[in-house]
Amino acid sequence: MNWLYLLTGLICLAPWSVRASDLPPILMNAGEAPPYTSEDLPGGGIGPALIREIFKRVGYDAEIRIRPWKRALQEGKTGSVDGVFFSIPGQGREKDFLFSDSVAEKSRYFYHLKSKPFNWSQLEDLRGKTIGIDATFIYPEEFLRLGEENHYYLASGRGLGVNVRLLLEGKIDLYPRIRGEVEYALKKRFSKQVRDLITYHPAPLEKQSFHVIFSRHAEKPEILLKAFNKGLAEVKADGTYQHMVEQAHQY
C-alpha cells in the first residue's frame, strides 16, 4: 500500500480535536479582587486559573492581565482586549459587552462593629446609618435611591481596605461587601484582635451573578462568547469548577 494512502487513512480514523495552538490567543483583563483574582496570588488566583481552563477546553490560550477594575473595564470598552472578568449586569454595560452565562453567584452582607449591634430586614431599617460603598461597584437601584433621598448617608470610599478602616474608626456604620473578600482582607491585613471587632449580618443586601463580558468592539465577540459558555458548562459538569472554587477559599 502506498504510504500516502496509509497516512491519509490514519488521519481520517484519528479522533478530531482542537489544540490551543490551532486558534489565536485571547487577551483578557481581570479586575483586582482577592482572594479570587490578584497579582499577589500564585498564577493570579482562582479567577484567572478558571478562565484559562475554560478556554483551554475549547481550544484557546488565554493571556490574562490583572488591572485595577476601572482600567480593566475601560480597556474592554475600547476593544483593546477581548473581554473582562468578572462583572455583574448594570450601568449600561450591555451596550459595550456581551455577557456570558453566570460564572459565580455571590452575596453582599453588611459588615459592622460588634460593639454596635445591628439588625435589619428591609432598607427602611437602615435609616440614619452611614454606609460605606465602593465608587466603581454596582448597587441595587432602590438602595441607591433611598441614599439619595437621605434615608441614610452613602459614603463613597476608595476600596475595601479604606472602608474597613473607616468602619474600625467609627466613621461609617455599615459596609456591604462579599464575605470572601472581606474575610480574606481581614486575615491578611489585620491582627486577630482587630478581626474580632468586626462581624456581619446574615441577611444579604443582594445576591449577585458574576459573568465574563466580551467586548463588542473587539474581533468576533459572539464566537468567543459561544466557545466560553461551552467550556464553562464542561468544567461545571465534570467537577473541575467545584474543585477549583473550594481551593480558592482555603486561605
Protein backbone atom coordinates (compact mmCIF):
# COMPACT_ATOMS: atom_id res chain seq x y z
CA MET A 1 0.00 0.00 0.00
CA ASN A 2 1.27 3.41 -0.88
CA TRP A 3 2.46 5.22 2.30
CA LEU A 4 0.50 8.33 1.36
CA TYR A 5 -2.79 6.41 1.31
CA LEU A 6 -1.90 4.77 4.63
CA LEU A 7 -1.17 8.13 6.24
CA THR A 8 -4.40 9.59 4.89
CA GLY A 9 -6.35 6.67 6.31
CA LEU A 10 -4.80 7.06 9.76
CA ILE A 11 -5.63 10.75 9.81
CA CYS A 12 -9.24 10.03 8.90
CA LEU A 13 -9.51 7.44 11.67
CA ALA A 14 -7.91 9.63 14.34
CA PRO A 15 -10.33 11.48 16.65
CA TRP A 16 -10.63 15.15 15.77
CA SER A 17 -9.61 17.65 18.42
CA VAL A 18 -8.77 21.33 18.57
CA ARG A 19 -5.45 22.23 20.12
CA ALA A 20 -4.88 25.54 21.83
CA SER A 21 -2.22 26.36 19.24
CA ASP A 22 -4.78 25.98 16.42
CA LEU A 23 -6.66 29.13 17.43
CA PRO A 24 -5.49 32.71 18.02
CA PRO A 25 -4.70 33.63 21.65
CA ILE A 26 -7.25 35.60 23.63
CA LEU A 27 -6.38 38.70 25.66
CA MET A 28 -8.45 39.19 28.80
CA ASN A 29 -8.44 41.76 31.60
CA ALA A 30 -9.23 40.84 35.18
CA GLY A 31 -10.12 43.24 37.95
CA GLU A 32 -8.09 43.05 41.16
CA ALA A 33 -10.35 41.22 43.64
CA PRO A 34 -8.57 38.95 46.15
CA PRO A 35 -8.93 36.14 47.12
CA TYR A 36 -10.31 35.37 43.66
CA THR A 37 -8.03 37.48 41.45
CA SER A 38 -4.85 39.32 42.39
CA GLU A 39 -1.29 39.91 41.22
CA ASP A 40 -0.22 38.84 44.72
CA LEU A 41 -1.70 35.34 44.34
CA PRO A 42 0.05 32.40 42.63
CA GLY A 43 -0.95 32.40 38.97
CA GLY A 44 -3.17 35.39 39.63
CA GLY A 45 -5.63 33.40 41.74
CA ILE A 46 -8.60 31.13 41.13
CA GLY A 47 -10.24 33.57 38.70
CA PRO A 48 -7.50 33.53 36.04
CA ALA A 49 -6.89 29.80 36.58
CA LEU A 50 -10.56 29.05 35.97
CA ILE A 51 -10.77 31.26 32.88
CA ARG A 52 -7.65 29.67 31.38
CA GLU A 53 -9.05 26.19 31.98
CA ILE A 54 -12.41 27.06 30.43
CA PHE A 55 -10.80 28.46 27.28
CA LYS A 56 -8.37 25.54 27.12
CA ARG A 57 -11.34 23.17 26.92
CA VAL A 58 -12.44 24.83 23.69
CA GLY A 59 -9.02 25.22 22.11
CA TYR A 60 -7.90 28.71 23.11
CA ASP A 61 -4.91 30.05 25.01
CA ALA A 62 -5.88 32.97 27.23
CA GLU A 63 -3.43 35.70 28.20
CA ILE A 64 -4.70 37.45 31.32
CA ARG A 65 -3.70 40.86 32.64
CA ILE A 66 -4.74 41.94 36.13
CA ARG A 67 -5.71 45.59 36.38
CA PRO A 68 -7.49 47.97 38.75
CA TRP A 69 -11.17 47.42 37.92
CA LYS A 70 -11.79 50.84 36.37
CA ARG A 71 -8.88 50.45 33.95
CA ALA A 72 -9.74 46.82 33.19
CA LEU A 73 -13.26 47.83 32.21
CA GLN A 74 -12.20 50.85 30.15
CA GLU A 75 -9.80 48.79 28.05
CA GLY A 76 -12.64 46.38 27.40
CA LYS A 77 -14.92 49.19 26.27
CA THR A 78 -12.39 50.34 23.67
CA GLY A 79 -11.78 46.82 22.36
CA SER A 80 -8.14 46.81 23.49
CA VAL A 81 -8.83 43.38 24.99
CA ASP A 82 -11.25 40.62 24.05
CA GLY A 83 -13.00 40.60 27.39
CA VAL A 84 -13.04 41.36 31.10
CA PHE A 85 -13.95 39.39 34.22
CA PHE A 86 -15.90 39.37 36.45
CA SER A 87 -18.86 41.73 36.05
CA ILE A 88 -22.50 41.93 37.05
CA PRO A 89 -25.11 43.41 34.69
CA GLY A 90 -25.92 47.09 35.04
CA GLN A 91 -24.71 50.66 34.42
CA GLY A 92 -25.36 50.21 30.70
CA ARG A 93 -22.53 47.72 30.29
CA GLU A 94 -24.65 45.66 27.90
CA LYS A 95 -24.09 48.42 25.34
CA ASP A 96 -20.38 47.63 25.11
CA PHE A 97 -20.26 43.98 26.17
CA LEU A 98 -21.81 40.58 25.64
CA PHE A 99 -22.40 38.73 28.92
CA SER A 100 -21.50 35.07 29.39
CA ASP A 101 -23.56 32.56 31.31
CA SER A 102 -23.22 33.02 35.07
CA VAL A 103 -19.77 32.00 36.31
CA ALA A 104 -20.47 32.51 40.01
CA GLU A 105 -23.06 33.85 42.43
CA LYS A 106 -22.03 35.81 45.50
CA SER A 107 -23.92 37.79 48.15
CA ARG A 108 -23.10 41.13 49.76
CA TYR A 109 -23.51 41.35 53.54
CA PHE A 110 -23.47 44.35 55.86
CA TYR A 111 -20.33 44.38 58.00
CA HIS A 112 -20.38 46.32 61.27
CA LEU A 113 -18.62 46.59 64.61
CA LYS A 114 -19.69 44.08 67.25
CA SER A 115 -19.87 46.99 69.67
CA LYS A 116 -22.66 48.47 67.52
CA PRO A 117 -25.35 45.75 67.33
CA PHE A 118 -27.28 45.89 64.07
CA ASN A 119 -30.39 44.21 62.72
CA TRP A 120 -32.30 44.73 59.51
CA SER A 121 -34.84 43.09 57.21
CA GLN A 122 -35.76 45.96 54.87
CA LEU A 123 -33.99 49.07 53.58
CA GLU A 124 -36.08 51.34 55.83
CA ASP A 125 -34.25 49.76 58.78
CA LEU A 126 -31.05 51.46 57.59
CA ARG A 127 -32.43 54.94 58.26
CA GLY A 128 -29.86 57.27 59.80
CA LYS A 129 -26.90 54.97 59.14
CA THR A 130 -23.68 55.96 57.39
CA ILE A 131 -22.87 53.25 54.85
CA GLY A 132 -19.57 52.86 53.06
CA ILE A 133 -19.74 51.96 49.37
CA ASP A 134 -17.22 51.44 46.57
CA ALA A 135 -17.33 54.03 43.80
CA THR A 136 -16.88 51.59 40.90
CA PHE A 137 -19.39 48.97 42.11
CA ILE A 138 -22.99 48.44 41.02
CA TYR A 139 -25.64 48.50 43.77
CA PRO A 140 -29.41 47.87 43.79
CA GLU A 141 -31.32 50.85 42.40
CA GLU A 142 -33.64 51.07 45.41
CA PHE A 143 -30.67 51.05 47.79
CA LEU A 144 -29.08 53.97 45.94
CA ARG A 145 -32.36 55.85 45.59
CA LEU A 146 -33.05 55.84 49.33
CA GLY A 147 -29.50 57.04 49.90
CA GLU A 148 -30.07 59.95 47.53
CA GLU A 149 -33.25 60.77 49.44
CA ASN A 150 -31.23 60.93 52.69
CA HIS A 151 -32.83 57.94 54.40
CA TYR A 152 -29.20 57.09 55.12
CA TYR A 153 -25.85 58.52 54.06
CA LEU A 154 -23.78 56.74 51.41
CA ALA A 155 -20.07 57.45 51.84
CA SER A 156 -18.15 56.60 48.67
CA GLY A 157 -14.78 55.13 49.66
CA ARG A 158 -11.70 54.02 47.80
CA GLY A 159 -11.86 50.28 48.15
CA LEU A 160 -12.11 47.52 50.69
CA GLY A 161 -9.11 48.43 52.85
CA VAL A 162 -10.17 52.06 53.23
CA ASN A 163 -13.76 51.16 54.08
CA VAL A 164 -12.73 48.57 56.67
CA ARG A 165 -10.54 51.18 58.36
CA LEU A 166 -13.41 53.69 58.32
CA LEU A 167 -15.57 51.02 59.92
CA LEU A 168 -12.98 50.40 62.65
CA GLU A 169 -12.65 54.15 63.26
CA GLY A 170 -16.41 54.53 63.61
CA LYS A 171 -16.65 56.88 60.62
CA ILE A 172 -19.11 54.56 58.89
CA ASP A 173 -21.68 52.25 60.49
CA LEU A 174 -22.03 49.62 57.77
CA TYR A 175 -20.10 48.29 54.81
CA PRO A 176 -21.75 45.90 52.31
CA ARG A 177 -19.28 43.56 50.64
CA ILE A 178 -18.84 39.94 49.54
CA ARG A 179 -17.86 37.80 52.53
CA GLY A 180 -14.90 36.07 50.93
CA GLU A 181 -13.29 39.38 50.01
CA VAL A 182 -13.70 40.88 53.49
CA GLU A 183 -12.62 37.76 55.37
CA TYR A 184 -9.51 37.46 53.22
CA ALA A 185 -8.59 41.13 53.71
CA LEU A 186 -9.12 40.93 57.46
CA LYS A 187 -6.91 37.87 57.74
CA LYS A 188 -4.12 39.27 55.56
CA ARG A 189 -4.08 42.91 56.71
CA PHE A 190 -5.28 42.96 60.31
CA SER A 191 -4.45 41.25 63.59
CA LYS A 192 -6.79 38.74 65.21
CA GLN A 193 -7.54 41.32 67.88
CA VAL A 194 -8.81 43.71 65.22
CA ARG A 195 -10.64 40.97 63.29
CA ASP A 196 -12.57 40.08 66.42
CA LEU A 197 -14.08 43.58 66.48
CA ILE A 198 -15.98 43.10 63.21
CA THR A 199 -18.91 40.91 62.22
CA TYR A 200 -21.66 40.84 59.59
CA HIS A 201 -25.44 40.48 59.48
CA PRO A 202 -26.62 37.18 57.91
CA ALA A 203 -29.31 38.84 55.76
CA PRO A 204 -27.66 39.82 52.45
CA LEU A 205 -28.19 43.16 50.78
CA GLU A 206 -28.32 41.31 47.46
CA LYS A 207 -27.25 38.19 45.62
CA GLN A 208 -25.18 38.91 42.52
CA SER A 209 -24.45 36.89 39.40
CA PHE A 210 -20.94 37.36 38.02
CA HIS A 211 -20.06 36.98 34.36
CA VAL A 212 -17.24 37.22 31.85
CA ILE A 213 -18.00 40.07 29.47
CA PHE A 214 -16.79 40.17 25.86
CA SER A 215 -16.13 43.49 24.17
CA ARG A 216 -18.46 44.29 21.28
CA HIS A 217 -15.59 46.39 19.88
CA ALA A 218 -13.08 43.53 19.67
CA GLU A 219 -12.95 40.82 16.98
CA LYS A 220 -15.67 38.14 16.87
CA PRO A 221 -17.11 38.52 20.41
CA GLU A 222 -20.06 36.27 19.51
CA ILE A 223 -17.72 33.39 18.65
CA LEU A 224 -15.74 33.79 21.88
CA LEU A 225 -18.93 34.02 23.93
CA LYS A 226 -20.30 30.78 22.47
CA ALA A 227 -16.98 28.99 22.98
CA PHE A 228 -16.63 30.23 26.55
CA ASN A 229 -20.14 29.15 27.53
CA LYS A 230 -19.41 25.68 26.13
CA GLY A 231 -16.18 25.40 28.14
CA LEU A 232 -17.89 26.71 31.26
CA ALA A 233 -20.59 24.06 31.01
CA GLU A 234 -17.91 21.37 30.68
CA VAL A 235 -15.92 22.36 33.77
CA LYS A 236 -19.11 22.55 35.82
CA ALA A 237 -20.32 19.17 34.58
CA ASP A 238 -17.12 17.23 35.32
CA GLY A 239 -16.48 18.67 38.81
CA THR A 240 -13.46 20.80 37.88
CA TYR A 241 -15.29 24.02 38.69
CA GLN A 242 -16.33 22.94 42.19
CA HIS A 243 -12.84 21.65 43.00
CA MET A 244 -11.20 24.93 41.97
CA VAL A 245 -13.71 27.05 43.91
CA GLU A 246 -13.13 25.02 47.07
CA GLN A 247 -9.38 25.57 46.76
CA ALA A 248 -9.90 29.33 46.46
CA HIS A 249 -11.40 29.51 49.95
CA GLN A 250 -8.53 27.69 51.65
CA TYR A 251 -6.75 30.84 52.82
